Amino acid sequence: MSHTRAEMNALLLEAKRGNREALDELCRALQVRLRAVIQSRLWRWSRQDQEEILQDSLLLFAQKYDFIQDNPQYYALQVLHNKIGDAVRHATFVSRKVVSKVSAAEPGSAEPCDTEPVGQDDPETDYEECLDQRALLDRILAEASNMPSFCKLFIMGMLKGKTVSEVWKVVHRAEPGVSRNAFYKRIFDCRMRLRMAVGLDQ
C-alpha cells in the first residue's frame, strides 16, 4: 500500500507522540520507497549490499525522526542519497587502492610498495565511474578466488591493506626456503595474471 503525503505526515506525528506502531508503519512505508530508489541507483550492486545501505538509512531515520517537522519521505530520501554516496566513494577508493598496489608491486626494486601510502587524492564523485570501479572490484574478487594460493594470498592481502613486506613475512614463514627475488617474481606473475583476467592489459 502506497501512503500519501498526508498519511506520511500523520504517521510521523503519531510516532513523535510515542506511538511505536506508527513509527513501525512509517518505516515500512519508507522502506518500500527507498528500496525502489536504491535498486534503480545501484542496480549493479548485490542485493545484500543494497539491503545493508537501505537498513543503515532506515536506522538513521529512526534515530532522527523526532527532529523532522513534516514530509518524512523527503528526509529519508536525503539520508539514502548520502548513504549511497558514501558507499560508492568507499567502493571506488578500495578498488583503486587494490589495482594501484597490485600494479605497483613490480620485481626489481628493493621494497616495492612496502611503506608508500596509497594515493591521497579525493575519490572521484562521478556516479557512472564509481559504478565501474565497483564492478572492477567485484571482478578482482571473483578472479582472485580462482587463482593459485599465493596469488589469492597476495591479492587479498592488498585488499585488507597489508604491505608487501607483511605478505612476505607470511610467505617466508610458510616457505622458509623461498628467496626474496622468487617472491617478487610470483608477485609479478600474479599481477600480470590479474590484469589480464580483468581486462586491464587488453
C-alpha atoms as a PDB file:
ATOM      1  CA  MET A   1       0.000   0.000   0.000  1.00  0.00           C
ATOM      2  CA  SER A   2       1.352   3.396  -1.026  1.00  0.00           C
ATOM      3  CA  HIS A   3       0.957   6.137   1.562  1.00  0.00           C
ATOM      4  CA  THR A   4       0.072   9.676   0.604  1.00  0.00           C
ATOM      5  CA  ARG A   5       1.973  12.699   1.819  1.00  0.00           C
ATOM      6  CA  ALA A   6      -0.771  13.442   4.350  1.00  0.00           C
ATOM      7  CA  GLU A   7      -0.680   9.864   5.653  1.00  0.00           C
ATOM      8  CA  MET A   8       3.094  10.020   6.000  1.00  0.00           C
ATOM      9  CA  ASN A   9       2.829  13.236   7.990  1.00  0.00           C
ATOM     10  CA  ALA A  10       0.091  11.735  10.191  1.00  0.00           C
ATOM     11  CA  LEU A  11       2.269   8.692  10.928  1.00  0.00           C
ATOM     12  CA  LEU A  12       5.194  10.977  11.729  1.00  0.00           C
ATOM     13  CA  LEU A  13       3.072  12.986  14.153  1.00  0.00           C
ATOM     14  CA  GLU A  14       1.858   9.837  15.911  1.00  0.00           C
ATOM     15  CA  ALA A  15       5.391   8.451  16.081  1.00  0.00           C
ATOM     16  CA  LYS A  16       6.633  11.676  17.673  1.00  0.00           C
ATOM     17  CA  ARG A  17       3.885  11.287  20.272  1.00  0.00           C
ATOM     18  CA  GLY A  18       5.377   7.944  21.260  1.00  0.00           C
ATOM     19  CA  ASN A  19       3.232   5.613  19.137  1.00  0.00           C
ATOM     20  CA  ARG A  20       5.626   2.777  18.306  1.00  0.00           C
ATOM     21  CA  GLU A  21       3.226   1.135  15.864  1.00  0.00           C
ATOM     22  CA  ALA A  22       3.007   4.365  13.897  1.00  0.00           C
ATOM     23  CA  LEU A  23       6.800   4.535  13.680  1.00  0.00           C
ATOM     24  CA  ASP A  24       6.979   0.929  12.513  1.00  0.00           C
ATOM     25  CA  GLU A  25       4.363   1.556   9.829  1.00  0.00           C
ATOM     26  CA  LEU A  26       6.144   4.716   8.745  1.00  0.00           C
ATOM     27  CA  CYS A  27       9.435   2.848   8.401  1.00  0.00           C
ATOM     28  CA  ARG A  28       7.769   0.063   6.430  1.00  0.00           C
ATOM     29  CA  ALA A  29       6.262   2.609   4.053  1.00  0.00           C
ATOM     30  CA  LEU A  30       9.597   4.359   3.652  1.00  0.00           C
ATOM     31  CA  GLN A  31      11.352   1.051   3.123  1.00  0.00           C
ATOM     32  CA  VAL A  32       9.215   0.336   0.054  1.00  0.00           C
ATOM     33  CA  ARG A  33      10.028   3.742  -1.449  1.00  0.00           C
ATOM     34  CA  LEU A  34      13.713   3.651  -0.615  1.00  0.00           C
ATOM     35  CA  ARG A  35      14.201   0.101  -1.891  1.00  0.00           C
ATOM     36  CA  ALA A  36      12.889   1.121  -5.309  1.00  0.00           C
ATOM     37  CA  VAL A  37      15.341   4.023  -5.378  1.00  0.00           C
ATOM     38  CA  ILE A  38      18.371   2.000  -4.338  1.00  0.00           C
ATOM     39  CA  GLN A  39      17.587  -0.792  -6.787  1.00  0.00           C
ATOM     40  CA  SER A  40      17.493   1.799  -9.547  1.00  0.00           C
ATOM     41  CA  ARG A  41      20.592   3.685  -8.455  1.00  0.00           C
ATOM     42  CA  LEU A  42      22.753   0.671  -7.552  1.00  0.00           C
ATOM     43  CA  TRP A  43      21.407  -1.895  -9.990  1.00  0.00           C
ATOM     44  CA  ARG A  44      24.875  -3.414 -10.498  1.00  0.00           C
ATOM     45  CA  TRP A  45      25.385  -3.997  -6.781  1.00  0.00           C
ATOM     46  CA  SER A  46      24.479  -7.198  -4.990  1.00  0.00           C
ATOM     47  CA  ARG A  47      21.139  -7.488  -3.233  1.00  0.00           C
ATOM     48  CA  GLN A  48      22.978  -7.861   0.077  1.00  0.00           C
ATOM     49  CA  ASP A  49      24.888  -4.599  -0.423  1.00  0.00           C
ATOM     50  CA  GLN A  50      21.696  -2.794  -1.391  1.00  0.00           C
ATOM     51  CA  GLU A  51      19.907  -4.118   1.673  1.00  0.00           C
ATOM     52  CA  GLU A  52      22.715  -3.066   4.013  1.00  0.00           C
ATOM     53  CA  ILE A  53      22.606   0.512   2.709  1.00  0.00           C
ATOM     54  CA  LEU A  54      18.822   0.535   2.933  1.00  0.00           C
ATOM     55  CA  GLN A  55      18.795  -0.698   6.529  1.00  0.00           C
ATOM     56  CA  ASP A  56      21.520   1.769   7.526  1.00  0.00           C
ATOM     57  CA  SER A  57      19.391   4.571   6.070  1.00  0.00           C
ATOM     58  CA  LEU A  58      16.260   3.448   7.906  1.00  0.00           C
ATOM     59  CA  LEU A  59      18.204   3.092  11.145  1.00  0.00           C
ATOM     60  CA  LEU A  60      19.477   6.661  10.880  1.00  0.00           C
ATOM     61  CA  PHE A  61      15.981   7.868  10.059  1.00  0.00           C
ATOM     62  CA  ALA A  62      14.605   6.087  13.138  1.00  0.00           C
ATOM     63  CA  GLN A  63      17.223   7.863  15.244  1.00  0.00           C
ATOM     64  CA  LYS A  64      16.428  11.313  13.821  1.00  0.00           C
ATOM     65  CA  TYR A  65      12.680  11.264  13.080  1.00  0.00           C
ATOM     66  CA  ASP A  66      11.840  13.245  16.206  1.00  0.00           C
ATOM     67  CA  PHE A  67      13.553  16.287  14.678  1.00  0.00           C
ATOM     68  CA  ILE A  68      11.613  16.158  11.385  1.00  0.00           C
ATOM     69  CA  GLN A  69       8.773  18.655  11.015  1.00  0.00           C
ATOM     70  CA  ASP A  70       6.966  17.144   8.026  1.00  0.00           C
ATOM     71  CA  ASN A  71       7.414  15.190   4.794  1.00  0.00           C
ATOM     72  CA  PRO A  72       9.476  12.372   6.353  1.00  0.00           C
ATOM     73  CA  GLN A  73       9.833  10.734   2.944  1.00  0.00           C
ATOM     74  CA  TYR A  74      11.995  13.634   1.732  1.00  0.00           C
ATOM     75  CA  TYR A  75      14.250  13.415   4.748  1.00  0.00           C
ATOM     76  CA  ALA A  76      14.578   9.635   4.324  1.00  0.00           C
ATOM     77  CA  LEU A  77      15.456  10.062   0.650  1.00  0.00           C
ATOM     78  CA  GLN A  78      18.189  12.530   1.532  1.00  0.00           C
ATOM     79  CA  VAL A  79      19.586  10.106   4.085  1.00  0.00           C
ATOM     80  CA  LEU A  80      19.568   7.350   1.464  1.00  0.00           C
ATOM     81  CA  HIS A  81      21.313   9.525  -1.123  1.00  0.00           C
ATOM     82  CA  ASN A  82      24.029  10.339   1.401  1.00  0.00           C
ATOM     83  CA  LYS A  83      24.471   6.671   2.309  1.00  0.00           C
ATOM     84  CA  ILE A  84      24.685   5.704  -1.369  1.00  0.00           C
ATOM     85  CA  GLY A  85      27.289   8.396  -1.948  1.00  0.00           C
ATOM     86  CA  ASP A  86      29.353   7.169   0.994  1.00  0.00           C
ATOM     87  CA  ALA A  87      29.169   3.558  -0.199  1.00  0.00           C
ATOM     88  CA  VAL A  88      30.100   4.413  -3.787  1.00  0.00           C
ATOM     89  CA  ARG A  89      33.047   6.561  -2.721  1.00  0.00           C
ATOM     90  CA  HIS A  90      34.277   3.810  -0.401  1.00  0.00           C
ATOM     91  CA  ALA A  91      33.986   1.151  -3.116  1.00  0.00           C
ATOM     92  CA  THR A  92      35.837   3.418  -5.553  1.00  0.00           C
ATOM     93  CA  PHE A  93      38.639   4.062  -3.075  1.00  0.00           C
ATOM     94  CA  VAL A  94      39.053   0.368  -2.243  1.00  0.00           C
ATOM     95  CA  SER A  95      39.094  -0.787  -5.869  1.00  0.00           C
ATOM     96  CA  ARG A  96      41.630   1.870  -6.883  1.00  0.00           C
ATOM     97  CA  LYS A  97      43.744   1.021  -3.861  1.00  0.00           C
ATOM     98  CA  VAL A  98      43.846  -2.651  -4.837  1.00  0.00           C
ATOM     99  CA  VAL A  99      44.656  -2.008  -8.502  1.00  0.00           C
ATOM    100  CA  SER A 100      47.273   0.590  -7.556  1.00  0.00           C
ATOM    101  CA  LYS A 101      49.022  -1.625  -5.005  1.00  0.00           C
ATOM    102  CA  VAL A 102      48.909  -4.730  -7.185  1.00  0.00           C
ATOM    103  CA  SER A 103      50.218  -2.775 -10.185  1.00  0.00           C
ATOM    104  CA  ALA A 104      52.987  -1.143  -8.130  1.00  0.00           C
ATOM    105  CA  ALA A 105      54.347  -4.421  -6.773  1.00  0.00           C
ATOM    106  CA  GLU A 106      56.887  -4.921  -9.574  1.00  0.00           C
ATOM    107  CA  PRO A 107      60.042  -7.010  -9.179  1.00  0.00           C
ATOM    108  CA  GLY A 108      63.383  -5.224  -9.432  1.00  0.00           C
ATOM    109  CA  SER A 109      63.074  -2.684  -6.624  1.00  0.00           C
ATOM    110  CA  ALA A 110      64.249  -3.482  -3.118  1.00  0.00           C
ATOM    111  CA  GLU A 111      60.993  -2.807  -1.308  1.00  0.00           C
ATOM    112  CA  PRO A 112      58.209  -2.135  -3.813  1.00  0.00           C
ATOM    113  CA  CYS A 113      55.196  -0.552  -2.225  1.00  0.00           C
ATOM    114  CA  ASP A 114      56.323  -1.598   1.259  1.00  0.00           C
ATOM    115  CA  THR A 115      55.793   1.708   3.005  1.00  0.00           C
ATOM    116  CA  GLU A 116      54.434   4.123   0.420  1.00  0.00           C
ATOM    117  CA  PRO A 117      50.923   5.275   1.266  1.00  0.00           C
ATOM    118  CA  VAL A 118      48.160   4.803  -1.237  1.00  0.00           C
ATOM    119  CA  GLY A 119      47.373   7.936  -3.265  1.00  0.00           C
ATOM    120  CA  GLN A 120      45.704  10.564  -1.141  1.00  0.00           C
ATOM    121  CA  ASP A 121      43.621  12.235  -3.866  1.00  0.00           C
ATOM    122  CA  ASP A 122      39.939  12.560  -3.153  1.00  0.00           C
ATOM    123  CA  PRO A 123      37.933   9.784  -4.871  1.00  0.00           C
ATOM    124  CA  GLU A 124      36.030  10.725  -7.998  1.00  0.00           C
ATOM    125  CA  THR A 125      32.408  11.541  -7.438  1.00  0.00           C
ATOM    126  CA  ASP A 126      31.191  10.865 -10.962  1.00  0.00           C
ATOM    127  CA  TYR A 127      28.432   8.296 -10.485  1.00  0.00           C
ATOM    128  CA  GLU A 128      28.975   6.158 -13.584  1.00  0.00           C
ATOM    129  CA  GLU A 129      32.704   5.994 -12.963  1.00  0.00           C
ATOM    130  CA  CYS A 130      32.077   4.927  -9.378  1.00  0.00           C
ATOM    131  CA  LEU A 131      29.839   2.110 -10.558  1.00  0.00           C
ATOM    132  CA  ASP A 132      32.544   0.985 -12.977  1.00  0.00           C
ATOM    133  CA  GLN A 133      35.061   0.940 -10.142  1.00  0.00           C
ATOM    134  CA  ARG A 134      32.730  -1.181  -8.023  1.00  0.00           C
ATOM    135  CA  ALA A 135      32.290  -3.575 -10.934  1.00  0.00           C
ATOM    136  CA  LEU A 136      36.082  -3.770 -11.255  1.00  0.00           C
ATOM    137  CA  LEU A 137      36.440  -4.618  -7.564  1.00  0.00           C
ATOM    138  CA  ASP A 138      33.831  -7.367  -7.925  1.00  0.00           C
ATOM    139  CA  ARG A 139      35.778  -8.811 -10.871  1.00  0.00           C
ATOM    140  CA  ILE A 140      39.038  -8.689  -8.927  1.00  0.00           C
ATOM    141  CA  LEU A 141      37.459 -10.628  -6.056  1.00  0.00           C
ATOM    142  CA  ALA A 142      35.952 -13.173  -8.427  1.00  0.00           C
ATOM    143  CA  GLU A 143      39.209 -13.725 -10.309  1.00  0.00           C
ATOM    144  CA  ALA A 144      41.290 -13.917  -7.118  1.00  0.00           C
ATOM    145  CA  SER A 145      39.163 -16.781  -5.822  1.00  0.00           C
ATOM    146  CA  ASN A 146      40.138 -18.856  -8.883  1.00  0.00           C
ATOM    147  CA  MET A 147      43.869 -18.135  -8.730  1.00  0.00           C
ATOM    148  CA  PRO A 148      46.695 -20.168  -7.140  1.00  0.00           C
ATOM    149  CA  SER A 149      47.002 -19.918  -3.375  1.00  0.00           C
ATOM    150  CA  PHE A 150      49.921 -17.450  -3.458  1.00  0.00           C
ATOM    151  CA  CYS A 151      48.085 -15.065  -5.789  1.00  0.00           C
ATOM    152  CA  LYS A 152      44.970 -15.307  -3.660  1.00  0.00           C
ATOM    153  CA  LEU A 153      47.034 -14.566  -0.533  1.00  0.00           C
ATOM    154  CA  PHE A 154      48.741 -11.595  -2.162  1.00  0.00           C
ATOM    155  CA  ILE A 155      45.606 -10.016  -3.658  1.00  0.00           C
ATOM    156  CA  MET A 156      43.524 -10.481  -0.522  1.00  0.00           C
ATOM    157  CA  GLY A 157      46.391  -9.043   1.497  1.00  0.00           C
ATOM    158  CA  MET A 158      46.308  -5.927  -0.683  1.00  0.00           C
ATOM    159  CA  LEU A 159      42.546  -5.728  -0.211  1.00  0.00           C
ATOM    160  CA  LYS A 160      42.998  -5.805   3.561  1.00  0.00           C
ATOM    161  CA  GLY A 161      45.581  -3.027   3.478  1.00  0.00           C
ATOM    162  CA  LYS A 162      48.631  -5.215   4.084  1.00  0.00           C
ATOM    163  CA  THR A 163      52.037  -4.102   2.824  1.00  0.00           C
ATOM    164  CA  VAL A 164      54.186  -6.253   0.575  1.00  0.00           C
ATOM    165  CA  SER A 165      56.602  -6.742   3.478  1.00  0.00           C
ATOM    166  CA  GLU A 166      53.787  -8.118   5.624  1.00  0.00           C
ATOM    167  CA  VAL A 167      52.809 -10.569   2.888  1.00  0.00           C
ATOM    168  CA  TRP A 168      56.484 -11.547   2.541  1.00  0.00           C
ATOM    169  CA  LYS A 169      56.663 -12.416   6.232  1.00  0.00           C
ATOM    170  CA  VAL A 170      53.634 -14.681   5.933  1.00  0.00           C
ATOM    171  CA  VAL A 171      55.030 -16.411   2.853  1.00  0.00           C
ATOM    172  CA  HIS A 172      58.516 -16.750   4.362  1.00  0.00           C
ATOM    173  CA  ARG A 173      57.101 -18.409   7.487  1.00  0.00           C
ATOM    174  CA  ALA A 174      55.189 -20.881   5.340  1.00  0.00           C
ATOM    175  CA  GLU A 175      58.089 -21.415   2.904  1.00  0.00           C
ATOM    176  CA  PRO A 176      61.406 -20.624   4.649  1.00  0.00           C
ATOM    177  CA  GLY A 177      63.377 -21.617   1.564  1.00  0.00           C
ATOM    178  CA  VAL A 178      61.791 -19.120  -0.819  1.00  0.00           C
ATOM    179  CA  SER A 179      64.041 -16.223  -1.818  1.00  0.00           C
ATOM    180  CA  ARG A 180      63.026 -12.590  -1.923  1.00  0.00           C
ATOM    181  CA  ASN A 181      63.588 -12.496  -5.693  1.00  0.00           C
ATOM    182  CA  ALA A 182      61.385 -15.542  -6.179  1.00  0.00           C
ATOM    183  CA  PHE A 183      58.734 -13.853  -4.026  1.00  0.00           C
ATOM    184  CA  TYR A 184      58.775 -10.736  -6.214  1.00  0.00           C
ATOM    185  CA  LYS A 185      58.673 -12.877  -9.351  1.00  0.00           C
ATOM    186  CA  ARG A 186      55.499 -14.519  -8.013  1.00  0.00           C
ATOM    187  CA  ILE A 187      54.011 -11.090  -7.345  1.00  0.00           C
ATOM    188  CA  PHE A 188      54.825 -10.029 -10.904  1.00  0.00           C
ATOM    189  CA  ASP A 189      53.179 -13.168 -12.303  1.00  0.00           C
ATOM    190  CA  CYS A 190      50.089 -12.662 -10.135  1.00  0.00           C
ATOM    191  CA  ARG A 191      49.883  -9.009 -11.115  1.00  0.00           C
ATOM    192  CA  MET A 192      50.047  -9.827 -14.825  1.00  0.00           C
ATOM    193  CA  ARG A 193      47.545 -12.647 -14.444  1.00  0.00           C
ATOM    194  CA  LEU A 194      45.106 -10.407 -12.600  1.00  0.00           C
ATOM    195  CA  ARG A 195      45.437  -7.540 -15.083  1.00  0.00           C
ATOM    196  CA  MET A 196      44.795  -9.915 -17.976  1.00  0.00           C
ATOM    197  CA  ALA A 197      41.837 -11.512 -16.182  1.00  0.00           C
ATOM    198  CA  VAL A 198      40.073  -8.203 -15.525  1.00  0.00           C
ATOM    199  CA  GLY A 199      40.922  -6.756 -18.931  1.00  0.00           C
ATOM    200  CA  LEU A 200      43.412  -4.049 -17.913  1.00  0.00           C
ATOM    201  CA  ASP A 201      46.051  -5.236 -20.396  1.00  0.00           C
ATOM    202  CA  GLN A 202      43.780  -5.721 -23.378  1.00  0.00           C
END
